[in-house]
Amino acid sequence: MGCHCRPDRSFFIKGRQLPVCARCTGILIGFLIAVITLFFFRADITVLLLMLLPLIIDGAVQRLTHYESNNILRLATGILFGFAATSFFAISVIATFKFGYRLGKALFV
């Protein structure tokens, strides 16, 4: 499933609509922040789980009620979500390689 790109939920720069909505823009920014910061530190799993919640709550409340969030809130929740999701992915890849390395060493020693 791709981005809906609705004009009312997207940012515009110099009169031109960005190719993704505000929430997806935030997710992409969060992804970039995570890729850069993962070289310096890794957030705690509990913190990452909490960072996923604002987008889930905002999206669910918006979907189930007449509430309409604004683009700044969508951007902020997207950044948190993108950072947390990317961090989870990176942590799982690192853990998988470490496990595989230890298993390989144990099997061939």
PDB file of N, CA and C in Angstrom:
ATOM      1  N   MET A   1       0.844  -1.169   0.000  1.00  0.00           N
ATOM      2  CA  MET A   1       0.000   0.000   0.000  1.00  0.00           C
ATOM      3  C   MET A   1       0.894   1.237   0.000  1.00  0.00           C
ATOM      4  N   GLY A   2       0.593   2.180  -0.841  1.00  0.00           N
ATOM      5  CA  GLY A   2       1.389   3.387  -0.952  1.00  0.00           C
ATOM      6  C   GLY A   2       0.752   4.561  -0.226  1.00  0.00           C
ATOM      7  N   CYS A   3       1.364   5.687  -0.369  1.00  0.00           N
ATOM      8  CA  CYS A   3       0.865   6.911   0.249  1.00  0.00           C
ATOM      9  C   CYS A   3      -0.326   7.433  -0.560  1.00  0.00           C
ATOM     10  N   HIS A   4      -1.313   7.974   0.164  1.00  0.00           N
ATOM     11  CA  HIS A   4      -2.511   8.486  -0.506  1.00  0.00           C
ATOM     12  C   HIS A   4      -2.269   9.830  -1.189  1.00  0.00           C
ATOM     13  N   CYS A   5      -1.266  10.589  -0.728  1.00  0.00           N
ATOM     14  CA  CYS A   5      -0.877  11.881  -1.336  1.00  0.00           C
ATOM     15  C   CYS A   5      -2.024  12.892  -1.408  1.00  0.00           C
ATOM     16  N   ARG A   6      -2.919  12.862  -0.450  1.00  0.00           N
ATOM     17  CA  ARG A   6      -4.011  13.836  -0.456  1.00  0.00           C
ATOM     18  C   ARG A   6      -3.445  15.235  -0.272  1.00  0.00           C
ATOM     19  N   PRO A   7      -3.863  16.180  -1.077  1.00  0.00           N
ATOM     20  CA  PRO A   7      -3.346  17.548  -0.959  1.00  0.00           C
ATOM     21  C   PRO A   7      -3.586  18.173   0.408  1.00  0.00           C
ATOM     22  N   ASP A   8      -4.731  17.884   1.032  1.00  0.00           N
ATOM     23  CA  ASP A   8      -5.020  18.473   2.340  1.00  0.00           C
ATOM     24  C   ASP A   8      -4.180  17.858   3.456  1.00  0.00           C
ATOM     25  N   ARG A   9      -3.502  16.765   3.177  1.00  0.00           N
ATOM     26  CA  ARG A   9      -2.643  16.116   4.174  1.00  0.00           C
ATOM     27  C   ARG A   9      -1.183  16.100   3.730  1.00  0.00           C
ATOM     28  N   SER A  10      -0.841  16.982   2.836  1.00  0.00           N
ATOM     29  CA  SER A  10       0.524  17.046   2.315  1.00  0.00           C
ATOM     30  C   SER A  10       1.086  18.450   2.487  1.00  0.00           C
ATOM     31  N   PHE A  11       2.402  18.531   2.471  1.00  0.00           N
ATOM     32  CA  PHE A  11       3.074  19.822   2.509  1.00  0.00           C
ATOM     33  C   PHE A  11       3.334  20.296   1.087  1.00  0.00           C
ATOM     34  N   PHE A  12       3.439  21.611   0.964  1.00  0.00           N
ATOM     35  CA  PHE A  12       3.735  22.221  -0.326  1.00  0.00           C
ATOM     36  C   PHE A  12       4.979  23.084  -0.174  1.00  0.00           C
ATOM     37  N   ILE A  13       5.847  23.033  -1.155  1.00  0.00           N
ATOM     38  CA  ILE A  13       7.030  23.891  -1.188  1.00  0.00           C
ATOM     39  C   ILE A  13       6.987  24.680  -2.487  1.00  0.00           C
ATOM     40  N   LYS A  14       6.963  26.004  -2.360  1.00  0.00           N
ATOM     41  CA  LYS A  14       6.869  26.904  -3.516  1.00  0.00           C
ATOM     42  C   LYS A  14       5.707  26.520  -4.430  1.00  0.00           C
ATOM     43  N   GLY A  15       4.574  26.196  -3.812  1.00  0.00           N
ATOM     44  CA  GLY A  15       3.374  25.888  -4.571  1.00  0.00           C
ATOM     45  C   GLY A  15       3.309  24.481  -5.138  1.00  0.00           C
ATOM     46  N   ARG A  16       4.334  23.667  -4.889  1.00  0.00           N
ATOM     47  CA  ARG A  16       4.338  22.295  -5.419  1.00  0.00           C
ATOM     48  C   ARG A  16       4.176  21.305  -4.280  1.00  0.00           C
ATOM     49  N   GLN A  17       3.256  20.370  -4.462  1.00  0.00           N
ATOM     50  CA  GLN A  17       2.974  19.365  -3.440  1.00  0.00           C
ATOM     51  C   GLN A  17       4.105  18.343  -3.364  1.00  0.00           C
ATOM     52  N   LEU A  18       4.518  18.015  -2.134  1.00  0.00           N
ATOM     53  CA  LEU A  18       5.510  16.957  -1.966  1.00  0.00           C
ATOM     54  C   LEU A  18       4.911  15.629  -2.420  1.00  0.00           C
ATOM     55  N   PRO A  19       5.729  14.692  -2.863  1.00  0.00           N
ATOM     56  CA  PRO A  19       5.202  13.445  -3.412  1.00  0.00           C
ATOM     57  C   PRO A  19       4.603  12.492  -2.381  1.00  0.00           C
ATOM     58  N   VAL A  20       4.766  12.793  -1.095  1.00  0.00           N
ATOM     59  CA  VAL A  20       4.165  11.970  -0.044  1.00  0.00           C
ATOM     60  C   VAL A  20       3.471  12.883   0.966  1.00  0.00           C
ATOM     61  N   CYS A  21       2.547  12.316   1.736  1.00  0.00           N
ATOM     62  CA  CYS A  21       1.792  13.100   2.718  1.00  0.00           C
ATOM     63  C   CYS A  21       2.677  13.487   3.900  1.00  0.00           C
ATOM     64  N   ALA A  22       2.136  14.285   4.805  1.00  0.00           N
ATOM     65  CA  ALA A  22       2.886  14.774   5.963  1.00  0.00           C
ATOM     66  C   ALA A  22       3.363  13.624   6.841  1.00  0.00           C
ATOM     67  N   ARG A  23       2.516  12.629   7.075  1.00  0.00           N
ATOM     68  CA  ARG A  23       2.896  11.488   7.919  1.00  0.00           C
ATOM     69  C   ARG A  23       4.020  10.686   7.265  1.00  0.00           C
ATOM     70  N   CYS A  24       3.920  10.420   5.983  1.00  0.00           N
ATOM     71  CA  CYS A  24       4.982   9.682   5.289  1.00  0.00           C
ATOM     72  C   CYS A  24       6.272  10.504   5.209  1.00  0.00           C
ATOM     73  N   THR A  25       6.145  11.813   5.080  1.00  0.00           N
ATOM     74  CA  THR A  25       7.318  12.688   5.124  1.00  0.00           C
ATOM     75  C   THR A  25       8.013  12.528   6.469  1.00  0.00           C
ATOM     76  N   GLY A  26       7.235  12.512   7.549  1.00  0.00           N
ATOM     77  CA  GLY A  26       7.796  12.320   8.877  1.00  0.00           C
ATOM     78  C   GLY A  26       8.468  10.974   9.027  1.00  0.00           C
ATOM     79  N   ILE A  27       7.851   9.926   8.503  1.00  0.00           N
ATOM     80  CA  ILE A  27       8.445   8.588   8.579  1.00  0.00           C
ATOM     81  C   ILE A  27       9.786   8.568   7.854  1.00  0.00           C
ATOM     82  N   LEU A  28       9.858   9.192   6.687  1.00  0.00           N
ATOM     83  CA  LEU A  28      11.121   9.240   5.942  1.00  0.00           C
ATOM     84  C   LEU A  28      12.184  10.047   6.688  1.00  0.00           C
ATOM     85  N   ILE A  29      11.792  11.147   7.316  1.00  0.00           N
ATOM     86  CA  ILE A  29      12.738  11.939   8.110  1.00  0.00           C
ATOM     87  C   ILE A  29      13.218  11.114   9.305  1.00  0.00           C
ATOM     88  N   GLY A  30      12.303  10.417   9.972  1.00  0.00           N
ATOM     89  CA  GLY A  30      12.664   9.556  11.092  1.00  0.00           C
ATOM     90  C   GLY A  30      13.622   8.459  10.675  1.00  0.00           C
ATOM     91  N   PHE A  31      13.398   7.902   9.489  1.00  0.00           N
ATOM     92  CA  PHE A  31      14.293   6.894   8.945  1.00  0.00           C
ATOM     93  C   PHE A  31      15.707   7.458   8.789  1.00  0.00           C
ATOM     94  N   LEU A  32      15.812   8.637   8.201  1.00  0.00           N
ATOM     95  CA  LEU A  32      17.135   9.249   8.005  1.00  0.00           C
ATOM     96  C   LEU A  32      17.819   9.578   9.326  1.00  0.00           C
ATOM     97  N   ILE A  33      17.058  10.090  10.284  1.00  0.00           N
ATOM     98  CA  ILE A  33      17.629  10.395  11.596  1.00  0.00           C
ATOM     99  C   ILE A  33      18.144   9.121  12.252  1.00  0.00           C
ATOM    100  N   ALA A  34      17.370   8.045  12.161  1.00  0.00           N
ATOM    101  CA  ALA A  34      17.777   6.771  12.771  1.00  0.00           C
ATOM    102  C   ALA A  34      19.044   6.236  12.123  1.00  0.00           C
ATOM    103  N   VAL A  35      19.115   6.276  10.806  1.00  0.00           N
ATOM    104  CA  VAL A  35      20.297   5.763  10.102  1.00  0.00           C
ATOM    105  C   VAL A  35      21.548   6.524  10.546  1.00  0.00           C
ATOM    106  N   ILE A  36      21.422   7.822  10.706  1.00  0.00           N
ATOM    107  CA  ILE A  36      22.575   8.636  11.127  1.00  0.00           C
ATOM    108  C   ILE A  36      22.930   8.375  12.589  1.00  0.00           C
ATOM    109  N   THR A  37      21.935   8.355  13.470  1.00  0.00           N
ATOM    110  CA  THR A  37      22.215   8.253  14.907  1.00  0.00           C
ATOM    111  C   THR A  37      22.550   6.838  15.361  1.00  0.00           C
ATOM    112  N   LEU A  38      22.174   5.810  14.607  1.00  0.00           N
ATOM    113  CA  LEU A  38      22.477   4.436  15.027  1.00  0.00           C
ATOM    114  C   LEU A  38      23.975   4.161  15.103  1.00  0.00           C
ATOM    115  N   PHE A  39      24.775   4.970  14.439  1.00  0.00           N
ATOM    116  CA  PHE A  39      26.227   4.804  14.534  1.00  0.00           C
ATOM    117  C   PHE A  39      26.749   5.286  15.881  1.00  0.00           C
ATOM    118  N   PHE A  40      25.982   6.117  16.577  1.00  0.00           N
ATOM    119  CA  PHE A  40      26.443   6.722  17.819  1.00  0.00           C
ATOM    120  C   PHE A  40      25.775   6.146  19.063  1.00  0.00           C
ATOM    121  N   PHE A  41      24.502   5.779  18.970  1.00  0.00           N
ATOM    122  CA  PHE A  41      23.819   5.198  20.127  1.00  0.00           C
ATOM    123  C   PHE A  41      22.614   4.391  19.660  1.00  0.00           C
ATOM    124  N   ARG A  42      22.153   3.517  20.565  1.00  0.00           N
ATOM    125  CA  ARG A  42      20.952   2.737  20.304  1.00  0.00           C
ATOM    126  C   ARG A  42      19.970   2.978  21.442  1.00  0.00           C
ATOM    127  N   ALA A  43      18.754   3.277  21.100  1.00  0.00           N
ATOM    128  CA  ALA A  43      17.717   3.535  22.101  1.00  0.00           C
ATOM    129  C   ALA A  43      17.260   2.221  22.724  1.00  0.00           C
ATOM    130  N   ASP A  44      16.761   2.307  23.930  1.00  0.00           N
ATOM    131  CA  ASP A  44      16.214   1.165  24.644  1.00  0.00           C
ATOM    132  C   ASP A  44      14.949   0.672  23.931  1.00  0.00           C
ATOM    133  N   ILE A  45      14.722  -0.633  23.960  1.00  0.00           N
ATOM    134  CA  ILE A  45      13.560  -1.227  23.290  1.00  0.00           C
ATOM    135  C   ILE A  45      12.254  -0.637  23.828  1.00  0.00           C
ATOM    136  N   THR A  46      12.175  -0.416  25.127  1.00  0.00           N
ATOM    137  CA  THR A  46      10.960   0.149  25.725  1.00  0.00           C
ATOM    138  C   THR A  46      10.687   1.550  25.181  1.00  0.00           C
ATOM    139  N   VAL A  47      11.729   2.343  25.062  1.00  0.00           N
ATOM    140  CA  VAL A  47      11.585   3.695  24.516  1.00  0.00           C
ATOM    141  C   VAL A  47      11.107   3.625  23.072  1.00  0.00           C
ATOM    142  N   LEU A  48      11.672   2.704  22.308  1.00  0.00           N
ATOM    143  CA  LEU A  48      11.264   2.558  20.907  1.00  0.00           C
ATOM    144  C   LEU A  48       9.796   2.149  20.799  1.00  0.00           C
ATOM    145  N   LEU A  49       9.368   1.243  21.660  1.00  0.00           N
ATOM    146  CA  LEU A  49       7.955   0.849  21.649  1.00  0.00           C
ATOM    147  C   LEU A  49       7.051   2.043  21.950  1.00  0.00           C
ATOM    148  N   LEU A  50       7.447   2.853  22.908  1.00  0.00           N
ATOM    149  CA  LEU A  50       6.659   4.050  23.249  1.00  0.00           C
ATOM    150  C   LEU A  50       6.645   5.055  22.095  1.00  0.00           C
ATOM    151  N   MET A  51       7.721   5.105  21.318  1.00  0.00           N
ATOM    152  CA  MET A  51       7.781   6.034  20.184  1.00  0.00           C
ATOM    153  C   MET A  51       6.839   5.615  19.054  1.00  0.00           C
ATOM    154  N   LEU A  52       6.459   4.351  18.995  1.00  0.00           N
ATOM    155  CA  LEU A  52       5.516   3.883  17.975  1.00  0.00           C
ATOM    156  C   LEU A  52       4.078   4.303  18.292  1.00  0.00           C
ATOM    157  N   LEU A  53       3.773   4.427  19.565  1.00  0.00           N
ATOM    158  CA  LEU A  53       2.381   4.653  19.986  1.00  0.00           C
ATOM    159  C   LEU A  53       1.723   5.935  19.476  1.00  0.00           C
ATOM    160  N   PRO A  54       2.394   7.092  19.464  1.00  0.00           N
ATOM    161  CA  PRO A  54       1.682   8.300  19.023  1.00  0.00           C
ATOM    162  C   PRO A  54       1.086   8.190  17.621  1.00  0.00           C
ATOM    163  N   LEU A  55       1.810   7.629  16.680  1.00  0.00           N
ATOM    164  CA  LEU A  55       1.265   7.487  15.320  1.00  0.00           C
ATOM    165  C   LEU A  55       0.104   6.514  15.312  1.00  0.00           C
ATOM    166  N   ILE A  56       0.262   5.407  16.021  1.00  0.00           N
ATOM    167  CA  ILE A  56      -0.808   4.410  16.061  1.00  0.00           C
ATOM    168  C   ILE A  56      -2.064   5.005  16.677  1.00  0.00           C
ATOM    169  N   ILE A  57      -1.900   5.718  17.784  1.00  0.00           N
ATOM    170  CA  ILE A  57      -3.060   6.327  18.454  1.00  0.00           C
ATOM    171  C   ILE A  57      -3.687   7.406  17.578  1.00  0.00           C
ATOM    172  N   ASP A  58      -2.856   8.290  17.028  1.00  0.00           N
ATOM    173  CA  ASP A  58      -3.380   9.374  16.190  1.00  0.00           C
ATOM    174  C   ASP A  58      -4.108   8.809  14.973  1.00  0.00           C
ATOM    175  N   GLY A  59      -3.513   7.841  14.324  1.00  0.00           N
ATOM    176  CA  GLY A  59      -4.141   7.239  13.144  1.00  0.00           C
ATOM    177  C   GLY A  59      -5.429   6.510  13.479  1.00  0.00           C
ATOM    178  N   ALA A  60      -5.425   5.775  14.589  1.00  0.00           N
ATOM    179  CA  ALA A  60      -6.616   5.017  14.978  1.00  0.00           C
ATOM    180  C   ALA A  60      -7.758   5.948  15.382  1.00  0.00           C
ATOM    181  N   VAL A  61      -7.451   6.967  16.181  1.00  0.00           N
ATOM    182  CA  VAL A  61      -8.491   7.910  16.609  1.00  0.00           C
ATOM    183  C   VAL A  61      -9.054   8.644  15.396  1.00  0.00           C
ATOM    184  N   GLN A  62      -8.189   9.020  14.495  1.00  0.00           N
ATOM    185  CA  GLN A  62      -8.639   9.722  13.284  1.00  0.00           C
ATOM    186  C   GLN A  62      -9.515   8.813  12.430  1.00  0.00           C
ATOM    187  N   ARG A  63      -9.155   7.552  12.359  1.00  0.00           N
ATOM    188  CA  ARG A  63      -9.901   6.596  11.539  1.00  0.00           C
ATOM    189  C   ARG A  63     -11.268   6.267  12.144  1.00  0.00           C
ATOM    190  N   LEU A  64     -11.308   6.182  13.477  1.00  0.00           N
ATOM    191  CA  LEU A  64     -12.519   5.710  14.145  1.00  0.00           C
ATOM    192  C   LEU A  64     -13.471   6.806  14.605  1.00  0.00           C
ATOM    193  N   THR A  65     -13.029   8.063  14.554  1.00  0.00           N
ATOM    194  CA  THR A  65     -13.874   9.168  15.006  1.00  0.00           C
ATOM    195  C   THR A  65     -13.898  10.263  13.939  1.00  0.00           C
ATOM    196  N   HIS A  66     -14.502  11.384  14.291  1.00  0.00           N
ATOM    197  CA  HIS A  66     -14.524  12.529  13.384  1.00  0.00           C
ATOM    198  C   HIS A  66     -13.322  13.442  13.590  1.00  0.00           C
ATOM    199  N   TYR A  67     -12.444  13.069  14.500  1.00  0.00           N
ATOM    200  CA  TYR A  67     -11.230  13.855  14.781  1.00  0.00           C
ATOM    201  C   TYR A  67     -10.343  13.916  13.539  1.00  0.00           C
ATOM    202  N   GLU A  68      -9.803  15.087  13.287  1.00  0.00           N
ATOM    203  CA  GLU A  68      -8.903  15.288  12.148  1.00  0.00           C
ATOM    204  C   GLU A  68      -7.629  15.950  12.675  1.00  0.00           C
ATOM    205  N   SER A  69      -6.520  15.208  12.669  1.00  0.00           N
ATOM    206  CA  SER A  69      -5.263  15.800  13.143  1.00  0.00           C
ATOM    207  C   SER A  69      -4.718  16.756  12.080  1.00  0.00           C
ATOM    208  N   ASN A  70      -3.710  17.527  12.462  1.00  0.00           N
ATOM    209  CA  ASN A  70      -3.134  18.473  11.504  1.00  0.00           C
ATOM    210  C   ASN A  70      -1.799  17.942  10.972  1.00  0.00           C
ATOM    211  N   ASN A  71      -1.275  18.593   9.964  1.00  0.00           N
ATOM    212  CA  ASN A  71      -0.063  18.100   9.310  1.00  0.00           C
ATOM    213  C   ASN A  71       1.172  18.150  10.205  1.00  0.00           C
ATOM    214  N   ILE A  72       1.238  19.110  11.116  1.00  0.00           N
ATOM    215  CA  ILE A  72       2.381  19.177  12.026  1.00  0.00           C
ATOM    216  C   ILE A  72       2.374  17.971  12.963  1.00  0.00           C
ATOM    217  N   LEU A  73       1.195  17.612  13.487  1.00  0.00           N
ATOM    218  CA  LEU A  73       1.085  16.429  14.340  1.00  0.00           C
ATOM    219  C   LEU A  73       1.397  15.166  13.548  1.00  0.00           C
ATOM    220  N   ARG A  74       0.912  15.085  12.327  1.00  0.00           N
ATOM    221  CA  ARG A  74       1.214  13.925  11.478  1.00  0.00           C
ATOM    222  C   ARG A  74       2.714  13.823  11.218  1.00  0.00           C
ATOM    223  N   LEU A  75       3.353  14.945  10.963  1.00  0.00           N
ATOM    224  CA  LEU A  75       4.801  14.961  10.735  1.00  0.00           C
ATOM    225  C   LEU A  75       5.542  14.476  11.985  1.00  0.00           C
ATOM    226  N   ALA A  76       5.175  15.011  13.150  1.00  0.00           N
ATOM    227  CA  ALA A  76       5.857  14.650  14.401  1.00  0.00           C
ATOM    228  C   ALA A  76       5.680  13.171  14.735  1.00  0.00           C
ATOM    229  N   THR A  77       4.447  12.664  14.623  1.00  0.00           N
ATOM    230  CA  THR A  77       4.226  11.253  14.927  1.00  0.00           C
ATOM    231  C   THR A  77       4.917  10.368  13.900  1.00  0.00           C
ATOM    232  N   GLY A  78       4.988  10.829  12.658  1.00  0.00           N
ATOM    233  CA  GLY A  78       5.697  10.083  11.620  1.00  0.00           C
ATOM    234  C   GLY A  78       7.193   9.998  11.895  1.00  0.00           C
ATOM    235  N   ILE A  79       7.787  11.097  12.356  1.00  0.00           N
ATOM    236  CA  ILE A  79       9.223  11.096  12.676  1.00  0.00           C
ATOM    237  C   ILE A  79       9.506  10.083  13.786  1.00  0.00           C
ATOM    238  N   LEU A  80       8.695  10.121  14.842  1.00  0.00           N
ATOM    239  CA  LEU A  80       8.891   9.167  15.941  1.00  0.00           C
ATOM    240  C   LEU A  80       8.758   7.728  15.450  1.00  0.00           C
ATOM    241  N   PHE A  81       7.728   7.477  14.666  1.00  0.00           N
ATOM    242  CA  PHE A  81       7.473   6.131  14.162  1.00  0.00           C
ATOM    243  C   PHE A  81       8.595   5.663  13.235  1.00  0.00           C
ATOM    244  N   GLY A  82       9.008   6.529  12.320  1.00  0.00           N
ATOM    245  CA  GLY A  82      10.076   6.160  11.389  1.00  0.00           C
ATOM    246  C   GLY A  82      11.377   5.868  12.105  1.00  0.00           C
ATOM    247  N   PHE A  83      11.698   6.676  13.117  1.00  0.00           N
ATOM    248  CA  PHE A  83      12.912   6.450  13.898  1.00  0.00           C
ATOM    249  C   PHE A  83      12.837   5.112  14.617  1.00  0.00           C
ATOM    250  N   ALA A  84      11.709   4.857  15.295  1.00  0.00           N
ATOM    251  CA  ALA A  84      11.568   3.629  16.073  1.00  0.00           C
ATOM    252  C   ALA A  84      11.555   2.389  15.176  1.00  0.00           C
ATOM    253  N   ALA A  85      10.808   2.434  14.087  1.00  0.00           N
ATOM    254  CA  ALA A  85      10.725   1.270  13.195  1.00  0.00           C
ATOM    255  C   ALA A  85      12.083   0.950  12.584  1.00  0.00           C
ATOM    256  N   THR A  86      12.814   1.970  12.162  1.00  0.00           N
ATOM    257  CA  THR A  86      14.139   1.759  11.581  1.00  0.00           C
ATOM    258  C   THR A  86      15.110   1.237  12.633  1.00  0.00           C
ATOM    259  N   SER A  87      15.012   1.764  13.838  1.00  0.00           N
ATOM    260  CA  SER A  87      15.878   1.295  14.919  1.00  0.00           C
ATOM    261  C   SER A  87      15.590  -0.169  15.242  1.00  0.00           C
ATOM    262  N   PHE A  88      14.310  -0.545  15.304  1.00  0.00           N
ATOM    263  CA  PHE A  88      13.964  -1.952  15.532  1.00  0.00           C
ATOM    264  C   PHE A  88      14.556  -2.840  14.443  1.00  0.00           C
ATOM    265  N   PHE A  89      14.438  -2.412  13.212  1.00  0.00           N
ATOM    266  CA  PHE A  89      14.981  -3.194  12.102  1.00  0.00           C
ATOM    267  C   PHE A  89      16.490  -3.346  12.237  1.00  0.00           C
ATOM    268  N   ALA A  90      17.180  -2.246  12.506  1.00  0.00           N
ATOM    269  CA  ALA A  90      18.641  -2.295  12.633  1.00  0.00           C
ATOM    270  C   ALA A  90      19.066  -3.170  13.809  1.00  0.00           C
ATOM    271  N   ILE A  91      18.393  -3.032  14.937  1.00  0.00           N
ATOM    272  CA  ILE A  91      18.725  -3.847  16.111  1.00  0.00           C
ATOM    273  C   ILE A  91      18.509  -5.327  15.813  1.00  0.00           C
ATOM    274  N   SER A  92      17.437  -5.657  15.115  1.00  0.00           N
ATOM    275  CA  SER A  92      17.181  -7.068  14.798  1.00  0.00           C
ATOM    276  C   SER A  92      18.203  -7.620  13.811  1.00  0.00           C
ATOM    277  N   VAL A  93      18.617  -6.811  12.851  1.00  0.00           N
ATOM    278  CA  VAL A  93      19.642  -7.267  11.898  1.00  0.00           C
ATOM    279  C   VAL A  93      20.971  -7.495  12.622  1.00  0.00           C
ATOM    280  N   ILE A  94      21.354  -6.564  13.484  1.00  0.00           N
ATOM    281  CA  ILE A  94      22.597  -6.699  14.245  1.00  0.00           C
ATOM    282  C   ILE A  94      22.541  -7.941  15.128  1.00  0.00           C
ATOM    283  N   ALA A  95      21.424  -8.148  15.823  1.00  0.00           N
ATOM    284  CA  ALA A  95      21.281  -9.319  16.690  1.00  0.00           C
ATOM    285  C   ALA A  95      21.332 -10.613  15.882  1.00  0.00           C
ATOM    286  N   THR A  96      20.728 -10.616  14.715  1.00  0.00           N
ATOM    287  CA  THR A  96      20.749 -11.806  13.862  1.00  0.00           C
ATOM    288  C   THR A  96      22.165 -12.137  13.417  1.00  0.00           C
ATOM    289  N   PHE A  97      22.931 -11.129  13.004  1.00  0.00           N
ATOM    290  CA  PHE A  97      24.314 -11.373  12.597  1.00  0.00           C
ATOM    291  C   PHE A  97      25.159 -11.854  13.769  1.00  0.00           C
ATOM    292  N   LYS A  98      24.971 -11.265  14.949  1.00  0.00           N
ATOM    293  CA  LYS A  98      25.728 -11.696  16.127  1.00  0.00           C
ATOM    294  C   LYS A  98      25.395 -13.141  16.478  1.00  0.00           C
ATOM    295  N   PHE A  99      24.101 -13.488  16.441  1.00  0.00           N
ATOM    296  CA  PHE A  99      23.687 -14.853  16.730  1.00  0.00           C
ATOM    297  C   PHE A  99      24.277 -15.824  15.700  1.00  0.00           C
ATOM    298  N   GLY A 100      24.186 -15.456  14.431  1.00  0.00           N
ATOM    299  CA  GLY A 100      24.727 -16.306  13.371  1.00  0.00           C
ATOM    300  C   GLY A 100      26.229 -16.485  13.493  1.00  0.00           C
ATOM    301  N   TYR A 101      26.923 -15.430  13.860  1.00  0.00           N
ATOM    302  CA  TYR A 101      28.380 -15.505  14.034  1.00  0.00           C
ATOM    303  C   TYR A 101      28.732 -16.459  15.171  1.00  0.00           C
ATOM    304  N   ARG A 102      28.030 -16.301  16.311  1.00  0.00           N
ATOM    305  CA  ARG A 102      28.298 -17.179  17.459  1.00  0.00           C
ATOM    306  C   ARG A 102      27.952 -18.632  17.131  1.00  0.00           C
ATOM    307  N   LEU A 103      26.841 -18.830  16.446  1.00  0.00           N
ATOM    308  CA  LEU A 103      26.435 -20.186  16.069  1.00  0.00           C
ATOM    309  C   LEU A 103      27.453 -20.792  15.117  1.00  0.00           C
ATOM    310  N   GLY A 104      27.886 -20.033  14.131  1.00  0.00           N
ATOM    311  CA  GLY A 104      28.891 -20.525  13.185  1.00  0.00           C
ATOM    312  C   GLY A 104      30.202 -20.877  13.867  1.00  0.00           C
ATOM    313  N   LYS A 105      30.622 -20.037  14.799  1.00  0.00           N
ATOM    314  CA  LYS A 105      31.850 -20.310  15.553  1.00  0.00           C
ATOM    315  C   LYS A 105      31.721 -21.595  16.363  1.00  0.00           C
ATOM    316  N   ALA A 106      30.553 -21.781  16.996  1.00  0.00           N
ATOM    317  CA  ALA A 106      30.335 -22.963  17.823  1.00  0.00           C
ATOM    318  C   ALA A 106      30.291 -24.231  16.970  1.00  0.00           C
ATOM    319  N   LEU A 107      29.740 -24.146  15.787  1.00  0.00           N
ATOM    320  CA  LEU A 107      29.641 -25.320  14.930  1.00  0.00           C
ATOM    321  C   LEU A 107      30.961 -25.730  14.303  1.00  0.00           C
ATOM    322  N   PHE A 108      31.813 -24.777  14.030  1.00  0.00           N
ATOM    323  CA  PHE A 108      33.030 -25.087  13.282  1.00  0.00           C
ATOM    324  C   PHE A 108      34.305 -24.996  14.114  1.00  0.00           C
ATOM    325  N   VAL A 109      34.180 -24.968  15.423  1.00  0.00           N
ATOM    326  CA  VAL A 109      35.376 -24.933  16.280  1.00  0.00           C
ATOM    327  C   VAL A 109      35.682 -26.292  16.814  1.00  0.00           C
TER     328      VAL A 109
END
